[in-house]
Amino acid sequence: MKKIILICLMSFFLTGCSLVKTITAPFKPVQNTLPQQTDKSKAKEICKGKAVWNEQGELISCSAGYYRYDENYTQKERKLTLKEKVHQLLDRFWGYTLIIIILLVIFCPSALAFIGGRIIEGTIGITGKTLKAVIRGVQNARKNGKDLNTALATELDTENKNYIAKIKEQEKIK
């Protein structure tokens, strides 16, 4: 268990910038690296005295120091491919997951320990129950001076006895 925790901690600390990228992914807008179309335009009109235009040249009359300067920038984003959308969705998911884990570790270590304990208890299952029953039987035999076989018989139920019988059979086969 210590090795697993050590490996997890090392992998978190040694991932470098990719960890920062994962944590900040939920806060970034949808990422488009290249725009499909970019339009830049600059317009400058200066009239120092008498000017009348049109026929789509605009500026109808002036007379003296008229000045106008416009700059426009429009960018049309390209549509993301399905692969890019899925990749960004997974990045955001792992970002939120990592943030939740960090918050749980900081604010709720007892809840995290409870969840971890339940997971470990579920994976141990019958083995843990049988081991606990055998330990109780041995302790009972030592304290009360009973025979070990009778103490184990009182502590073990049929499920535990069947499990021990399976282990004995496997040992005989080997």
C-alpha atoms as a PDB file:
ATOM      1  CA  MET A   1       0.000   0.000   0.000  1.00  0.00           C
ATOM      2  CA  LYS A   2       2.870   2.344   0.813  1.00  0.00           C
ATOM      3  CA  LYS A   3       4.344   1.730  -2.624  1.00  0.00           C
ATOM      4  CA  ILE A   4       1.068   2.569  -4.356  1.00  0.00           C
ATOM      5  CA  ILE A   5       0.694   5.816  -2.412  1.00  0.00           C
ATOM      6  CA  LEU A   6       4.315   6.715  -3.130  1.00  0.00           C
ATOM      7  CA  ILE A   7       3.864   6.026  -6.848  1.00  0.00           C
ATOM      8  CA  CYS A   8       0.671   8.141  -6.947  1.00  0.00           C
ATOM      9  CA  LEU A   9       2.337  11.051  -5.166  1.00  0.00           C
ATOM     10  CA  MET A  10       5.385  10.890  -7.415  1.00  0.00           C
ATOM     11  CA  SER A  11       3.256  10.768 -10.542  1.00  0.00           C
ATOM     12  CA  PHE A  12       1.277  13.836  -9.397  1.00  0.00           C
ATOM     13  CA  PHE A  13       4.367  15.836  -8.518  1.00  0.00           C
ATOM     14  CA  LEU A  14       6.431  14.798 -11.518  1.00  0.00           C
ATOM     15  CA  THR A  15       3.808  15.424 -14.197  1.00  0.00           C
ATOM     16  CA  GLY A  16       4.715  19.107 -14.296  1.00  0.00           C
ATOM     17  CA  CYS A  17       2.775  21.312 -16.655  1.00  0.00           C
ATOM     18  CA  SER A  18       0.365  18.590 -17.728  1.00  0.00           C
ATOM     19  CA  LEU A  19      -1.090  18.599 -14.203  1.00  0.00           C
ATOM     20  CA  VAL A  20      -1.586  22.361 -14.409  1.00  0.00           C
ATOM     21  CA  LYS A  21      -3.219  21.909 -17.818  1.00  0.00           C
ATOM     22  CA  THR A  22      -5.585  19.292 -16.390  1.00  0.00           C
ATOM     23  CA  ILE A  23      -6.562  21.378 -13.374  1.00  0.00           C
ATOM     24  CA  THR A  24      -7.191  24.530 -15.408  1.00  0.00           C
ATOM     25  CA  ALA A  25      -9.100  22.762 -18.231  1.00  0.00           C
ATOM     26  CA  PRO A  26     -12.586  23.318 -16.724  1.00  0.00           C
ATOM     27  CA  PHE A  27     -12.022  27.060 -16.548  1.00  0.00           C
ATOM     28  CA  LYS A  28     -10.927  27.540 -20.156  1.00  0.00           C
ATOM     29  CA  PRO A  29     -13.436  28.353 -22.867  1.00  0.00           C
ATOM     30  CA  VAL A  30     -13.805  26.016 -25.815  1.00  0.00           C
ATOM     31  CA  GLN A  31     -10.426  26.025 -27.460  1.00  0.00           C
ATOM     32  CA  ASN A  32     -10.046  26.694 -31.145  1.00  0.00           C
ATOM     33  CA  THR A  33      -6.431  26.966 -32.127  1.00  0.00           C
ATOM     34  CA  LEU A  34      -6.887  28.283 -35.647  1.00  0.00           C
ATOM     35  CA  PRO A  35      -9.680  30.552 -36.877  1.00  0.00           C
ATOM     36  CA  GLN A  36     -11.383  29.694 -40.144  1.00  0.00           C
ATOM     37  CA  GLN A  37     -11.383  33.262 -41.403  1.00  0.00           C
ATOM     38  CA  THR A  38      -9.906  36.541 -40.205  1.00  0.00           C
ATOM     39  CA  ASP A  39     -10.828  39.956 -41.607  1.00  0.00           C
ATOM     40  CA  LYS A  40      -8.921  43.094 -40.723  1.00  0.00           C
ATOM     41  CA  SER A  41      -9.777  46.465 -42.147  1.00  0.00           C
ATOM     42  CA  LYS A  42      -8.670  50.032 -41.597  1.00  0.00           C
ATOM     43  CA  ALA A  43     -10.446  53.065 -42.932  1.00  0.00           C
ATOM     44  CA  LYS A  44      -9.161  56.596 -42.806  1.00  0.00           C
ATOM     45  CA  GLU A  45     -11.018  59.642 -44.089  1.00  0.00           C
ATOM     46  CA  ILE A  46      -9.580  63.126 -43.967  1.00  0.00           C
ATOM     47  CA  CYS A  47     -11.205  66.140 -45.528  1.00  0.00           C
ATOM     48  CA  LYS A  48      -9.764  69.601 -45.075  1.00  0.00           C
ATOM     49  CA  GLY A  49     -12.254  71.576 -46.997  1.00  0.00           C
ATOM     50  CA  LYS A  50     -15.030  70.912 -49.507  1.00  0.00           C
ATOM     51  CA  ALA A  51     -15.619  67.241 -50.422  1.00  0.00           C
ATOM     52  CA  VAL A  52     -18.819  65.542 -51.580  1.00  0.00           C
ATOM     53  CA  TRP A  53     -18.804  61.877 -52.536  1.00  0.00           C
ATOM     54  CA  ASN A  54     -21.157  59.010 -52.953  1.00  0.00           C
ATOM     55  CA  GLU A  55     -21.938  56.257 -55.396  1.00  0.00           C
ATOM     56  CA  GLN A  56     -20.756  53.976 -52.576  1.00  0.00           C
ATOM     57  CA  GLY A  57     -17.740  56.103 -51.850  1.00  0.00           C
ATOM     58  CA  GLU A  58     -19.787  57.558 -48.950  1.00  0.00           C
ATOM     59  CA  LEU A  59     -18.758  60.869 -47.271  1.00  0.00           C
ATOM     60  CA  ILE A  60     -21.375  63.298 -48.462  1.00  0.00           C
ATOM     61  CA  SER A  61     -19.989  66.772 -47.947  1.00  0.00           C
ATOM     62  CA  CYS A  62     -17.311  67.978 -45.582  1.00  0.00           C
ATOM     63  CA  SER A  63     -15.989  71.522 -45.708  1.00  0.00           C
ATOM     64  CA  ALA A  64     -13.001  72.015 -43.428  1.00  0.00           C
ATOM     65  CA  GLY A  65     -11.199  69.606 -41.042  1.00  0.00           C
ATOM     66  CA  TYR A  66     -13.204  66.373 -40.961  1.00  0.00           C
ATOM     67  CA  TYR A  67     -11.241  63.346 -39.744  1.00  0.00           C
ATOM     68  CA  ARG A  68     -12.381  59.712 -39.301  1.00  0.00           C
ATOM     69  CA  TYR A  69     -10.366  56.593 -38.548  1.00  0.00           C
ATOM     70  CA  ASP A  70     -11.874  53.087 -38.214  1.00  0.00           C
ATOM     71  CA  GLU A  71     -10.274  49.753 -37.466  1.00  0.00           C
ATOM     72  CA  ASN A  72     -12.269  46.532 -37.682  1.00  0.00           C
ATOM     73  CA  TYR A  73     -11.258  43.009 -36.803  1.00  0.00           C
ATOM     74  CA  THR A  74     -13.560  40.025 -37.219  1.00  0.00           C
ATOM     75  CA  GLN A  75     -12.681  36.431 -36.721  1.00  0.00           C
ATOM     76  CA  LYS A  76     -14.838  33.506 -37.713  1.00  0.00           C
ATOM     77  CA  GLU A  77     -14.088  30.427 -35.659  1.00  0.00           C
ATOM     78  CA  ARG A  78     -13.863  27.071 -37.334  1.00  0.00           C
ATOM     79  CA  LYS A  79     -16.066  24.224 -36.189  1.00  0.00           C
ATOM     80  CA  LEU A  80     -14.419  21.656 -33.970  1.00  0.00           C
ATOM     81  CA  THR A  81     -14.176  18.064 -35.101  1.00  0.00           C
ATOM     82  CA  LEU A  82     -15.744  15.308 -33.062  1.00  0.00           C
ATOM     83  CA  LYS A  83     -12.316  14.157 -31.900  1.00  0.00           C
ATOM     84  CA  GLU A  84     -11.480  17.654 -30.611  1.00  0.00           C
ATOM     85  CA  LYS A  85     -14.831  17.965 -28.831  1.00  0.00           C
ATOM     86  CA  VAL A  86     -14.379  14.604 -27.106  1.00  0.00           C
ATOM     87  CA  HIS A  87     -10.798  15.486 -26.135  1.00  0.00           C
ATOM     88  CA  GLN A  88     -11.894  18.783 -24.576  1.00  0.00           C
ATOM     89  CA  LEU A  89     -14.791  17.058 -22.805  1.00  0.00           C
ATOM     90  CA  LEU A  90     -12.414  14.503 -21.275  1.00  0.00           C
ATOM     91  CA  ASP A  91      -9.956  17.240 -20.289  1.00  0.00           C
ATOM     92  CA  ARG A  92     -12.718  19.090 -18.472  1.00  0.00           C
ATOM     93  CA  PHE A  93     -13.968  15.896 -16.824  1.00  0.00           C
ATOM     94  CA  TRP A  94     -10.515  14.988 -15.484  1.00  0.00           C
ATOM     95  CA  GLY A  95      -9.994  18.582 -14.394  1.00  0.00           C
ATOM     96  CA  TYR A  96     -13.187  18.588 -12.341  1.00  0.00           C
ATOM     97  CA  THR A  97     -12.382  15.130 -10.964  1.00  0.00           C
ATOM     98  CA  LEU A  98      -8.919  16.205  -9.858  1.00  0.00           C
ATOM     99  CA  ILE A  99     -10.272  19.381  -8.269  1.00  0.00           C
ATOM    100  CA  ILE A 100     -12.891  17.366  -6.344  1.00  0.00           C
ATOM    101  CA  ILE A 101     -10.251  14.893  -5.146  1.00  0.00           C
ATOM    102  CA  ILE A 102      -8.002  17.721  -3.967  1.00  0.00           C
ATOM    103  CA  LEU A 103     -10.904  19.377  -2.137  1.00  0.00           C
ATOM    104  CA  LEU A 104     -11.847  16.056  -0.524  1.00  0.00           C
ATOM    105  CA  VAL A 105      -8.286  15.498   0.650  1.00  0.00           C
ATOM    106  CA  ILE A 106      -8.116  19.006   2.097  1.00  0.00           C
ATOM    107  CA  PHE A 107     -11.576  19.349   3.634  1.00  0.00           C
ATOM    108  CA  CYS A 108     -12.830  15.810   4.228  1.00  0.00           C
ATOM    109  CA  PRO A 109     -10.025  13.398   5.049  1.00  0.00           C
ATOM    110  CA  SER A 110     -12.316  11.356   7.292  1.00  0.00           C
ATOM    111  CA  ALA A 111     -14.854  10.927   4.471  1.00  0.00           C
ATOM    112  CA  LEU A 112     -12.075   9.894   2.113  1.00  0.00           C
ATOM    113  CA  ALA A 113     -10.780   7.386   4.680  1.00  0.00           C
ATOM    114  CA  PHE A 114     -14.315   6.039   5.151  1.00  0.00           C
ATOM    115  CA  ILE A 115     -14.750   5.553   1.391  1.00  0.00           C
ATOM    116  CA  GLY A 116     -11.310   3.962   1.085  1.00  0.00           C
ATOM    117  CA  GLY A 117     -12.033   1.670   4.031  1.00  0.00           C
ATOM    118  CA  ARG A 118     -15.298   0.561   2.491  1.00  0.00           C
ATOM    119  CA  ILE A 119     -13.558  -0.168  -0.812  1.00  0.00           C
ATOM    120  CA  ILE A 120     -10.838  -2.177   0.903  1.00  0.00           C
ATOM    121  CA  GLU A 121     -13.387  -4.004   3.033  1.00  0.00           C
ATOM    122  CA  GLY A 122     -15.400  -4.854  -0.081  1.00  0.00           C
ATOM    123  CA  THR A 123     -12.351  -6.199  -1.894  1.00  0.00           C
ATOM    124  CA  ILE A 124     -11.266  -8.329   1.054  1.00  0.00           C
ATOM    125  CA  GLY A 125     -14.779  -9.776   1.439  1.00  0.00           C
ATOM    126  CA  ILE A 126     -14.995 -13.335   2.774  1.00  0.00           C
ATOM    127  CA  THR A 127     -11.246 -13.546   3.342  1.00  0.00           C
ATOM    128  CA  GLY A 128     -11.350 -10.746   5.898  1.00  0.00           C
ATOM    129  CA  LYS A 129     -14.428 -12.137   7.625  1.00  0.00           C
ATOM    130  CA  THR A 130     -12.908 -15.591   7.871  1.00  0.00           C
ATOM    131  CA  LEU A 131      -9.619 -14.204   9.151  1.00  0.00           C
ATOM    132  CA  LYS A 132     -11.407 -12.173  11.817  1.00  0.00           C
ATOM    133  CA  ALA A 133     -13.433 -15.216  12.894  1.00  0.00           C
ATOM    134  CA  VAL A 134     -10.295 -17.390  13.162  1.00  0.00           C
ATOM    135  CA  ILE A 135      -8.535 -14.697  15.211  1.00  0.00           C
ATOM    136  CA  ARG A 136     -11.523 -14.439  17.565  1.00  0.00           C
ATOM    137  CA  GLY A 137     -11.581 -18.253  17.934  1.00  0.00           C
ATOM    138  CA  VAL A 138      -7.849 -18.437  18.755  1.00  0.00           C
ATOM    139  CA  GLN A 139      -8.139 -15.605  21.278  1.00  0.00           C
ATOM    140  CA  ASN A 140     -11.186 -17.244  22.828  1.00  0.00           C
ATOM    141  CA  ALA A 141      -9.303 -20.545  23.146  1.00  0.00           C
ATOM    142  CA  ARG A 142      -6.320 -18.867  24.813  1.00  0.00           C
ATOM    143  CA  LYS A 143      -8.319 -16.746  27.253  1.00  0.00           C
ATOM    144  CA  ASN A 144     -10.812 -19.380  28.351  1.00  0.00           C
ATOM    145  CA  GLY A 145      -8.488 -22.394  28.124  1.00  0.00           C
ATOM    146  CA  LYS A 146     -10.772 -24.175  25.636  1.00  0.00           C
ATOM    147  CA  ASP A 147      -9.709 -26.619  22.995  1.00  0.00           C
ATOM    148  CA  LEU A 148      -8.763 -24.804  19.777  1.00  0.00           C
ATOM    149  CA  ASN A 149     -11.034 -26.954  17.604  1.00  0.00           C
ATOM    150  CA  THR A 150     -14.136 -26.267  19.702  1.00  0.00           C
ATOM    151  CA  ALA A 151     -13.361 -22.541  19.915  1.00  0.00           C
ATOM    152  CA  LEU A 152     -13.001 -22.336  16.135  1.00  0.00           C
ATOM    153  CA  ALA A 153     -16.177 -24.363  15.626  1.00  0.00           C
ATOM    154  CA  THR A 154     -18.157 -21.869  17.705  1.00  0.00           C
ATOM    155  CA  GLU A 155     -16.735 -18.805  15.937  1.00  0.00           C
ATOM    156  CA  LEU A 156     -16.872 -20.006  12.308  1.00  0.00           C
ATOM    157  CA  ASP A 157     -20.139 -20.236  10.422  1.00  0.00           C
ATOM    158  CA  THR A 158     -20.784 -22.484   7.410  1.00  0.00           C
ATOM    159  CA  GLU A 159     -19.692 -19.893   4.882  1.00  0.00           C
ATOM    160  CA  ASN A 160     -16.318 -19.475   6.601  1.00  0.00           C
ATOM    161  CA  LYS A 161     -15.898 -23.254   6.982  1.00  0.00           C
ATOM    162  CA  ASN A 162     -16.576 -23.747   3.268  1.00  0.00           C
ATOM    163  CA  TYR A 163     -14.025 -21.079   2.422  1.00  0.00           C
ATOM    164  CA  ILE A 164     -11.383 -22.750   4.601  1.00  0.00           C
ATOM    165  CA  ALA A 165     -12.199 -26.111   2.993  1.00  0.00           C
ATOM    166  CA  LYS A 166     -11.645 -24.595  -0.490  1.00  0.00           C
ATOM    167  CA  ILE A 167      -8.274 -23.238   0.605  1.00  0.00           C
ATOM    168  CA  LYS A 168      -7.290 -26.666   1.943  1.00  0.00           C
ATOM    169  CA  GLU A 169      -8.282 -28.300  -1.365  1.00  0.00           C
ATOM    170  CA  GLN A 170      -6.222 -25.784  -3.326  1.00  0.00           C
ATOM    171  CA  GLU A 171      -3.222 -26.470  -1.087  1.00  0.00           C
ATOM    172  CA  LYS A 172      -3.579 -30.240  -1.676  1.00  0.00           C
ATOM    173  CA  ILE A 173      -3.656 -29.678  -5.459  1.00  0.00           C
ATOM    174  CA  LYS A 174      -0.466 -27.653  -5.405  1.00  0.00           C
END
